[in-house]
Amino acid sequence: MAATKKPLNIGLVGYGFMGRTHSNGYKRVGDFFDSGHRPVLKAVCGRSQEAAQAFADRWGYESVETDWRKLIARPDIDAIDICTPNNSHAEIAIAAAEAGKMILCEKPLAMDMVEGQKMVEAVEKAGVPNTVWYNYRRVPAVTLAKQFIEEGRLGRIFHYRANFLQDWTINAELPQGGAGLWRMDAAAAGSGVTGDLLAHCIDTALWLNGAITTVTAMTETFVKERKHNLTGKVEPVTIDDACSFLCRFDNGSLGLFESTRYARGHKALYTFEINGEKGSLKWDLHDLHRLEYFDYGDEGITRGWRSIHVTDPDHPYMKAWWVPGLQIGYEHTFVHQVADFLAGLDGGKPTSPTFREALATQAVCDAVLDSAELGQWQTVVPV
């Protein structure tokens, strides 16, 4: 049966952590989801021939390249998957679009709105399928939250609050830059927690609650200087270690967002809560298969928060997996995104978030950073 499916030859650029998650998605999707397309791990590209070959051997890629331009030029490559540091997203994506390749790009879309707009223009001019890997949309409980909101179960929304907390950079001796720590270097990452962590929170918020119109923010860099792995010199740290912002949504609700890498005891605490006139929702990445729901319409003596174990076949995505009560995890969100991308190819429909949709998240990130620098409210540029 697999032989009758149209192959989708993947060219992966980058072989780090995200390269692994994407590769796992491509390898597993056909085992659980039906599609007219079949991902083929055709080539992986990285600067180190040895490291790229080791990755290819482990994950089953057929070939290796050390120049992404050669990868894009190959006629046997259908889709380019970008898993590189943020400062290379735009150049690779624009070249891939001009070559007529489909593109799946890691988040955030770009270093800033200027780059992001060029990427959007390139993919829309070329008419190539495109998406950005904001995978938390594909957590079944988060997708169920979207369903509840669209059904009107919360009524008018008043508040949206989210945080994403980590603690891995507290050590003042930790260097910045280089292959493993490029997220600590603004030249490669563009920003710190704003683009790395808050971008996830913002994308989810835009998807669930609509456009953000204005923001006021503050950021902090707790360690001002670190040794740079590439230069060997102690240099200023220009990323944000922590960021908090208030915002207004287009629907009139208020937002409160916080992210830091200095919350001791938290490795990846991502939570959100939404309060409406008829009810509320909350979700926690550490308990990702559960959606907490409060319905004010319940009878008074039994009214209270309920915990929905999102594992039944009528819950989003779960029909493809196990029997009720057996949950799935983080890696499955990437399987879901691949499944949705393939379904989009089957039906000729875009896979959300597209580059243009991801540009809206970039616009909020830019406004947040501008607000923190200027110390005043900023209007989010509409996309």
Protein backbone atom coordinates (compact mmCIF):
# COMPACT_ATOMS: atom_id res chain seq x y z
CA MET A 1 0.00 0.00 0.00
CA ALA A 2 2.89 2.35 0.82
CA ALA A 3 4.18 1.89 -2.72
CA THR A 4 0.98 3.47 -4.10
CA LYS A 5 1.46 6.65 -2.11
CA LYS A 6 3.19 9.62 -3.68
CA PRO A 7 6.68 10.03 -2.15
CA LEU A 8 7.53 13.33 -0.49
CA ASN A 9 11.31 13.56 -0.52
CA ILE A 10 12.56 15.45 2.53
CA GLY A 11 15.76 17.47 2.64
CA LEU A 12 16.56 18.29 6.26
CA VAL A 13 18.90 21.21 7.02
CA GLY A 14 20.33 20.81 10.52
CA TYR A 15 20.70 17.72 12.66
CA GLY A 16 20.33 18.95 16.23
CA PHE A 17 17.49 18.42 18.69
CA MET A 18 14.79 19.75 16.38
CA GLY A 19 16.14 17.70 13.50
CA ARG A 20 15.53 14.61 15.62
CA THR A 21 11.96 15.58 16.50
CA HIS A 22 11.08 16.29 12.87
CA SER A 23 12.74 13.12 11.61
CA ASN A 24 10.79 11.08 14.15
CA GLY A 25 7.59 12.72 12.88
CA TYR A 26 8.34 11.77 9.28
CA LYS A 27 9.23 8.19 10.23
CA ARG A 28 6.17 7.54 12.41
CA VAL A 29 3.37 9.39 10.62
CA GLY A 30 2.59 6.62 8.12
CA ASP A 31 2.21 4.08 10.91
CA PHE A 32 -0.76 5.92 12.41
CA PHE A 33 -2.23 8.39 9.89
CA ASP A 34 -3.54 7.73 6.38
CA SER A 35 -2.39 10.00 3.57
CA GLY A 36 -1.83 9.99 -0.15
CA HIS A 37 1.79 11.02 0.47
CA ARG A 38 4.68 9.15 2.03
CA PRO A 39 7.65 11.04 3.54
CA VAL A 40 11.01 9.79 2.33
CA LEU A 41 14.13 10.76 4.29
CA LYS A 42 16.12 11.62 1.19
CA ALA A 43 18.97 13.81 2.50
CA VAL A 44 20.26 15.58 5.62
CA CYS A 45 22.52 18.61 5.39
CA GLY A 46 25.03 19.86 7.96
CA ARG A 47 28.38 21.59 8.02
CA SER A 48 30.15 18.50 9.40
CA GLN A 49 30.26 15.58 6.96
CA GLU A 50 31.02 13.17 9.79
CA ALA A 51 28.23 14.40 12.08
CA ALA A 52 25.70 14.56 9.24
CA GLN A 53 26.59 11.03 8.15
CA ALA A 54 26.20 9.76 11.71
CA PHE A 55 22.76 11.39 11.88
CA ALA A 56 21.81 9.94 8.49
CA ASP A 57 22.88 6.46 9.58
CA ARG A 58 20.87 6.65 12.80
CA TRP A 59 17.68 8.07 11.31
CA GLY A 60 17.74 6.45 7.89
CA TYR A 61 18.46 9.34 5.53
CA GLU A 62 19.62 8.13 2.15
CA SER A 63 22.33 10.73 1.57
CA VAL A 64 24.27 13.63 3.07
CA GLU A 65 25.10 17.17 1.94
CA THR A 66 27.32 19.78 3.57
CA ASP A 67 26.06 22.75 1.54
CA TRP A 68 22.36 23.61 1.81
CA ARG A 69 22.49 25.29 -1.61
CA LYS A 70 23.38 21.94 -3.18
CA LEU A 71 20.56 20.31 -1.26
CA ILE A 72 18.03 22.84 -2.58
CA ALA A 73 19.35 22.42 -6.13
CA ARG A 74 18.78 18.67 -6.10
CA PRO A 75 15.84 17.68 -8.35
CA ASP A 76 15.04 14.70 -6.11
CA ILE A 77 14.20 16.92 -3.12
CA ASP A 78 10.56 18.01 -2.76
CA ALA A 79 10.54 19.73 0.63
CA ILE A 80 13.17 21.60 2.61
CA ASP A 81 12.92 21.32 6.39
CA ILE A 82 14.84 24.12 8.13
CA CYS A 83 16.21 23.20 11.58
CA THR A 84 19.04 25.71 11.72
CA PRO A 85 19.71 28.71 14.00
CA ASN A 86 17.31 31.60 13.45
CA ASN A 87 19.74 33.83 11.56
CA SER A 88 19.81 31.41 8.62
CA HIS A 89 16.07 30.78 8.26
CA ALA A 90 15.42 33.61 5.80
CA GLU A 91 18.26 32.90 3.37
CA ILE A 92 17.51 29.18 3.19
CA ALA A 93 13.73 29.61 2.96
CA ILE A 94 13.86 32.26 0.24
CA ALA A 95 16.26 30.18 -1.85
CA ALA A 96 14.10 27.10 -1.38
CA ALA A 97 10.96 28.99 -2.43
CA GLU A 98 12.68 30.33 -5.53
CA ALA A 99 13.63 26.73 -6.38
CA GLY A 100 9.99 25.69 -6.05
CA LYS A 101 10.47 23.57 -2.94
CA MET A 102 7.93 23.11 -0.19
CA ILE A 103 9.20 24.49 3.12
CA LEU A 104 8.78 23.47 6.73
CA CYS A 105 10.62 25.96 8.96
CA GLU A 106 11.45 25.84 12.65
CA LYS A 107 10.17 28.65 14.86
CA PRO A 108 10.48 31.56 15.20
CA LEU A 109 9.99 32.37 11.53
CA ALA A 110 12.87 34.85 11.31
CA MET A 111 15.13 37.25 13.19
CA ASP A 112 12.60 40.07 12.84
CA MET A 113 9.64 41.35 10.85
CA VAL A 114 11.79 42.61 7.98
CA GLU A 115 13.25 39.15 7.34
CA GLY A 116 9.92 37.48 7.96
CA GLN A 117 8.12 39.66 5.43
CA LYS A 118 10.66 38.73 2.77
CA MET A 119 10.10 35.05 3.52
CA VAL A 120 6.34 35.44 3.26
CA GLU A 121 6.65 37.27 -0.05
CA ALA A 122 8.96 34.54 -1.40
CA VAL A 123 6.69 31.59 -0.57
CA GLU A 124 3.55 33.39 -1.72
CA LYS A 125 5.17 34.44 -4.99
CA ALA A 126 6.36 30.89 -5.61
CA GLY A 127 3.07 29.37 -4.49
CA VAL A 128 4.81 26.62 -2.53
CA PRO A 129 3.26 24.86 0.49
CA ASN A 130 4.79 26.17 3.70
CA THR A 131 4.41 25.86 7.45
CA VAL A 132 6.22 26.75 10.68
CA TRP A 133 6.75 24.18 13.44
CA TYR A 134 4.67 25.66 16.26
CA ASN A 135 4.02 22.15 17.50
CA TYR A 136 2.10 22.93 20.70
CA ARG A 137 -1.00 23.62 18.63
CA ARG A 138 -0.97 19.88 17.93
CA VAL A 139 -1.21 18.77 21.55
CA PRO A 140 -4.67 17.12 21.58
CA ALA A 141 -5.68 18.96 24.76
CA VAL A 142 -4.71 22.32 23.23
CA THR A 143 -6.62 21.50 20.04
CA LEU A 144 -9.59 20.57 22.22
CA ALA A 145 -9.33 23.97 23.91
CA LYS A 146 -9.57 25.54 20.44
CA GLN A 147 -12.69 23.46 19.78
CA PHE A 148 -14.31 24.56 23.05
CA ILE A 149 -13.66 28.22 22.31
CA GLU A 150 -15.03 27.97 18.77
CA GLU A 151 -18.14 26.26 20.14
CA GLY A 152 -18.71 29.26 22.41
CA ARG A 153 -18.34 27.31 25.65
CA LEU A 154 -16.36 30.16 27.27
CA GLY A 155 -18.47 32.98 25.87
CA ARG A 156 -16.84 36.38 25.81
CA ILE A 157 -13.13 36.10 26.72
CA PHE A 158 -11.83 38.43 29.46
CA HIS A 159 -8.32 37.17 30.28
CA TYR A 160 -5.52 35.16 28.69
CA ARG A 161 -2.38 34.42 30.70
CA ALA A 162 0.58 32.22 29.86
CA ASN A 163 4.09 31.50 31.01
CA PHE A 164 7.08 29.46 29.86
CA LEU A 165 9.70 28.94 32.55
CA GLN A 166 13.15 27.29 32.43
CA ASP A 167 16.30 27.43 34.56
CA TRP A 168 19.16 26.17 32.41
CA THR A 169 21.12 29.44 32.01
CA ILE A 170 21.41 30.45 35.67
CA ASN A 171 25.08 29.40 35.80
CA ALA A 172 27.15 32.55 35.21
CA GLU A 173 30.01 30.42 33.85
CA LEU A 174 27.90 29.11 30.98
CA PRO A 175 29.37 30.42 27.70
CA GLN A 176 27.43 31.82 24.77
CA GLY A 177 27.47 31.02 21.07
CA GLY A 178 28.62 28.05 19.05
CA ALA A 179 26.82 24.92 17.93
CA GLY A 180 25.26 24.01 21.28
CA LEU A 181 24.62 27.44 22.76
CA TRP A 182 23.61 29.59 19.78
CA ARG A 183 20.36 30.45 21.60
CA MET A 184 22.54 32.48 24.00
CA ASP A 185 23.92 34.59 21.16
CA ALA A 186 21.71 37.37 19.79
CA ALA A 187 23.59 37.35 16.49
CA ALA A 188 22.33 33.81 15.86
CA ALA A 189 19.04 33.80 17.78
CA GLY A 190 17.81 37.38 17.38
CA SER A 191 16.52 37.42 20.95
CA GLY A 192 16.47 35.26 24.04
CA VAL A 193 13.35 33.94 25.73
CA THR A 194 11.11 36.20 23.63
CA GLY A 195 11.79 34.41 20.35
CA ASP A 196 12.63 31.03 21.84
CA LEU A 197 9.90 30.50 24.44
CA LEU A 198 7.37 33.33 24.36
CA ALA A 199 6.96 32.82 20.61
CA HIS A 200 5.29 29.48 21.43
CA CYS A 201 2.98 31.16 23.96
CA ILE A 202 2.14 33.94 21.52
CA ASP A 203 1.41 31.60 18.62
CA THR A 204 -0.95 29.55 20.78
CA ALA A 205 -2.63 32.71 22.07
CA LEU A 206 -3.19 34.10 18.58
CA TRP A 207 -4.63 30.76 17.49
CA LEU A 208 -6.95 30.46 20.47
CA ASN A 209 -7.85 34.09 21.22
CA GLY A 210 -7.20 36.16 18.10
CA ALA A 211 -4.94 39.09 17.28
CA ILE A 212 -2.90 41.04 19.82
CA THR A 213 -3.09 44.80 19.17
CA THR A 214 -0.88 46.53 21.77
CA VAL A 215 1.83 45.46 24.25
CA THR A 216 3.92 46.85 27.07
CA ALA A 217 6.92 44.82 28.15
CA MET A 218 10.03 44.58 30.26
CA THR A 219 13.08 42.39 29.79
CA GLU A 220 16.16 41.63 31.84
CA THR A 221 19.60 40.15 31.18
CA PHE A 222 20.84 38.88 34.52
CA VAL A 223 24.37 37.93 33.45
CA LYS A 224 25.77 40.84 31.47
CA GLU A 225 28.93 39.20 30.08
CA ARG A 226 29.84 35.66 29.06
CA LYS A 227 32.70 33.99 27.24
CA HIS A 228 31.86 33.44 23.58
CA ASN A 229 32.59 29.96 22.26
CA LEU A 230 33.52 31.21 18.79
CA THR A 231 35.85 34.08 19.72
CA GLY A 232 37.13 32.81 23.06
CA LYS A 233 36.62 36.33 24.47
CA VAL A 234 34.33 37.60 27.20
CA GLU A 235 31.63 39.58 25.40
CA PRO A 236 28.41 41.40 26.33
CA VAL A 237 25.28 39.27 26.49
CA THR A 238 22.58 40.88 24.36
CA ILE A 239 19.76 38.35 24.60
CA ASP A 240 16.90 38.67 27.09
CA ASP A 241 17.06 36.16 29.96
CA ALA A 242 13.56 37.09 31.09
CA CYS A 243 10.59 38.87 29.55
CA SER A 244 7.16 39.82 30.84
CA PHE A 245 4.48 41.71 28.98
CA LEU A 246 0.91 42.89 29.19
CA CYS A 247 -1.23 43.13 26.10
CA ARG A 248 -4.66 43.82 24.68
CA PHE A 249 -6.33 41.46 22.25
CA ASP A 250 -8.53 42.58 19.38
CA ASN A 251 -11.52 40.91 21.06
CA GLY A 252 -11.15 43.21 24.09
CA SER A 253 -9.55 40.69 26.43
CA LEU A 254 -6.38 41.35 28.43
CA GLY A 255 -3.22 39.25 28.26
CA LEU A 256 -0.39 38.56 30.70
CA PHE A 257 2.72 36.68 29.53
CA GLU A 258 5.94 35.74 31.31
CA SER A 259 9.01 33.80 30.29
CA THR A 260 12.40 33.28 31.88
CA ARG A 261 15.36 30.94 31.95
CA TYR A 262 15.96 31.91 35.59
CA ALA A 263 13.09 30.10 37.33
CA ARG A 264 14.97 27.57 39.44
CA GLY A 265 13.23 24.22 39.47
CA HIS A 266 11.48 24.59 36.11
CA LYS A 267 12.82 22.82 33.02
CA ALA A 268 9.95 23.50 30.62
CA LEU A 269 6.89 24.79 32.46
CA TYR A 270 4.50 26.05 29.78
CA THR A 271 0.99 26.84 30.98
CA PHE A 272 -1.94 28.93 29.85
CA GLU A 273 -5.31 29.87 31.34
CA ILE A 274 -8.26 31.52 29.62
CA ASN A 275 -11.16 33.10 31.51
CA GLY A 276 -14.50 33.83 29.86
CA GLU A 277 -18.00 34.81 30.93
CA LYS A 278 -19.31 31.24 30.74
CA GLY A 279 -16.24 29.27 31.72
CA SER A 280 -12.48 28.89 31.86
CA LEU A 281 -9.75 26.62 30.51
CA LYS A 282 -6.23 25.88 31.66
CA TRP A 283 -3.46 23.61 30.40
CA ASP A 284 0.00 22.58 31.61
CA LEU A 285 2.71 21.08 29.39
CA HIS A 286 3.86 18.89 32.29
CA ASP A 287 0.43 17.23 32.25
CA LEU A 288 -0.12 17.74 28.54
CA HIS A 289 -2.83 15.14 28.03
CA ARG A 290 -5.21 16.92 30.44
CA LEU A 291 -7.39 19.96 29.84
CA GLU A 292 -8.83 21.66 32.91
CA TYR A 293 -12.32 23.08 32.29
CA PHE A 294 -14.70 25.13 34.43
CA ASP A 295 -18.30 25.48 33.26
CA TYR A 296 -20.34 28.11 35.10
CA GLY A 297 -23.47 26.49 33.66
CA ASP A 298 -23.05 23.46 35.92
CA GLU A 299 -25.44 23.02 38.82
CA GLY A 300 -24.26 25.11 41.75
CA ILE A 301 -23.62 22.33 44.24
CA THR A 302 -21.41 20.44 41.75
CA ARG A 303 -19.87 23.42 39.99
CA GLY A 304 -16.08 23.28 39.90
CA TRP A 305 -13.02 22.59 37.81
CA ARG A 306 -13.08 19.28 35.94
CA SER A 307 -10.06 17.46 34.54
CA ILE A 308 -10.60 16.10 31.04
CA HIS A 309 -8.26 13.22 30.21
CA VAL A 310 -7.83 13.83 26.48
CA THR A 311 -7.33 10.24 25.28
CA ASP A 312 -10.70 9.21 23.83
CA PRO A 313 -11.20 8.51 20.11
CA ASP A 314 -13.48 11.55 19.75
CA HIS A 315 -10.75 13.85 21.05
CA PRO A 316 -8.47 15.58 18.49
CA TYR A 317 -5.90 13.25 16.90
CA MET A 318 -6.50 10.45 19.45
CA LYS A 319 -8.45 8.14 17.15
CA ALA A 320 -5.13 7.34 15.48
CA TRP A 321 -3.40 6.26 18.70
CA TRP A 322 -4.09 3.92 21.61
CA VAL A 323 -7.11 2.85 23.62
CA PRO A 324 -8.74 5.43 25.94
CA GLY A 325 -6.73 6.21 29.05
CA LEU A 326 -3.30 5.77 27.44
CA GLN A 327 -1.79 9.15 26.74
CA ILE A 328 0.76 10.32 24.19
CA GLY A 329 3.62 12.80 24.59
CA TYR A 330 5.71 15.66 23.26
CA GLU A 331 7.10 13.80 20.23
CA HIS A 332 3.61 13.08 18.94
CA THR A 333 2.94 16.76 18.32
CA PHE A 334 5.46 16.62 15.48
CA VAL A 335 3.84 13.49 14.09
CA HIS A 336 0.57 15.43 14.09
CA GLN A 337 2.10 18.38 12.28
CA VAL A 338 3.50 16.11 9.59
CA ALA A 339 0.10 14.42 9.32
CA ASP A 340 -1.59 17.78 8.91
CA PHE A 341 0.97 18.86 6.31
CA LEU A 342 0.38 15.69 4.30
CA ALA A 343 -3.39 16.13 4.60
CA GLY A 344 -2.96 19.66 3.29
CA LEU A 345 -1.07 18.34 0.29
CA ASP A 346 -3.78 15.76 -0.30
CA GLY A 347 -6.52 18.39 -0.21
CA GLY A 348 -4.63 21.32 -1.71
CA LYS A 349 -5.02 23.36 1.47
CA PRO A 350 -2.44 25.31 3.50
CA THR A 351 -1.16 23.91 6.78
CA SER A 352 -1.48 26.29 9.71
CA PRO A 353 0.53 28.12 10.79
CA THR A 354 1.73 29.24 7.38
CA PHE A 355 4.61 31.68 7.02
CA ARG A 356 2.10 34.53 6.94
CA GLU A 357 0.42 33.35 10.13
CA ALA A 358 3.81 32.93 11.81
CA LEU A 359 4.64 36.49 10.74
CA ALA A 360 1.88 37.66 13.09
CA THR A 361 3.74 36.02 15.99
CA GLN A 362 6.94 37.70 14.79
CA ALA A 363 5.13 41.04 14.81
CA VAL A 364 4.17 40.58 18.46
CA CYS A 365 7.72 39.54 19.40
CA ASP A 366 9.14 42.62 17.69
CA ALA A 367 6.64 44.88 19.45
CA VAL A 368 7.48 43.29 22.81
CA LEU A 369 11.21 43.87 22.36
CA ASP A 370 10.65 47.44 21.13
CA SER A 371 8.41 48.16 24.11
CA ALA A 372 10.98 46.84 26.57
CA GLU A 373 13.71 48.96 24.98
CA LEU A 374 11.65 52.16 24.77
CA GLY A 375 9.73 51.73 28.03
CA GLN A 376 6.32 52.44 26.52
CA TRP A 377 3.28 50.77 24.94
CA GLN A 378 3.74 49.62 21.37
CA THR A 379 1.20 48.90 18.65
CA VAL A 380 1.61 45.52 16.98
CA VAL A 381 2.07 45.86 13.22
CA PRO A 382 -0.90 44.14 11.56
CA VAL A 383 -0.02 41.35 9.11
